[in-house]
Amino acid sequence: MIVDRAWTERNLGFDPIKTPAPAETFAVKKAAKPSAGVEDFQREIIDFDSEATEGREFLAFTTATGLSRFSEIPWPAGLTPATDAKVRTGTGGRLPAADVLVVTWTVDEGHALSRVLTPGKDSHNDYKSYTRNYAAISKKMRAGCPAIEAKRLGAYWTTTIGGKKVVVFKSDSHMSQDGPKLPNLDVWKQIIEDTQPKLVLTTGTAGGIGTEFEVGDVVVSPIVRFDCISKFKNEPFHSAHYGSEAPDTKYFAKAKELFSANSGQLPKDNTRPPKIAVVPGSALSHCVMTTDFFGFDTSDDHYKLQGLADVSEMGDAVLGLASSQMQGAPPWLAVRNVSDPQIKAEGTLQEQAQLAAQIYKGFGRWSTVCSAIVCWALIAAEK
């Protein structure tokens, strides 16, 4: 699939270039200005909250739907996520021990993931703040980054799926936002040490690379790679890749069935139900790629992403890096949904970035429901 302005008008009800969304629909006011840069759209994607004022304004302006339209998922018997009424805690501000640690990143990813895995407890309104070693770690962060503004490293809640204890963590630390240093590496190591899990999942939205992907497709990868050509281009890991164990796909067929409860909220131009693409452990060119710039695939391959991975995002390879530096690190997987497909190379790069951001704002939460269900499938299969 290649999306353009006409696609956006059909599926979101407006052309972001001809009829820009009002300033009230933006979480980051700089992103609403004609002078907005690509990095402003990146922060807009992280901060946009479909359940806050800007989200309500966006939903009123567009044909996008909010999570009030969420349909409860008909889970198989014995595998319904059971949210803890009171969050489990560790000692000294640590996260509690868990069989599986699930980490997500943006505000709307948090809403969607919590709706699926911790029903009744929302990541933004209910989750417990995580501040262990915040004072020390935050010294490496730049002023104005999400963690500094939130005064925490993230927030979490606990749940149980098929007898497995799970910590669901919404990170406020981001590789792309924390600054020229990489404190997110410290955060990863610390939350893994806290929970001592058997499996770690990093999950959320990503940009599809190539034309095969549609909004809502999910890529499950035991390989992550860096493509750093900006602030981290001189770091030893700038082009490194890391591997883990293959996923247990036992419940993937059921996961695809469960997509149907909410797939009607995905773009009407989608030509088929969302698919799950499992990356073989030897397929480096089909992995999840982490960039240190807000890059997205375009039909003219502006950012040179094609042939390097199936999707691009801005943080998962830090988990691979952290695991490579830890003794006895658990297996991990990157579970990424396609929130914006390949963008047609029309107009300026700034206009293409605006298109990608608006598509995310329209459908990022709904595509995340798909990847959250895949996370459920992986947890349910964990032994």
Foldseek 3Di string as FASTA:
>chain_A
DADEQVLCCQFWVHRCVVDNQDCLLFPQSLLSDPPRDLVSLVVRLQEGDLPDRSNVSSVVVTVFDDCVPFFDFPDDPLFQKAFDPDFDDDPPLARAAWQEEEEEEGQLLQQLLCCRRHNPAGQVPHFAFRAVCVVVLLVQFDPPQQCNVVVGQWTWGWIAGNNTIYIYTYGSDFCQHRDLDGSVLVVLLRNCVRHVHQEYEYEFAWEFADDPADFLAKEKEQKEFACEDPSCCPPPRRTPMFGFDFFDCPCVVVLQVRLVSQQVSGGPPDPDRHYYHYDDRVQQQAHEYAYNGPDHAAPVRPVVNHSRHRTYDHHPCSSRVSQVVDPPGHRYMYMYGHQHYYYYPDDDPSSSSSVSSSSCSRCRSSSSNSSSSVVSSRSNPRD
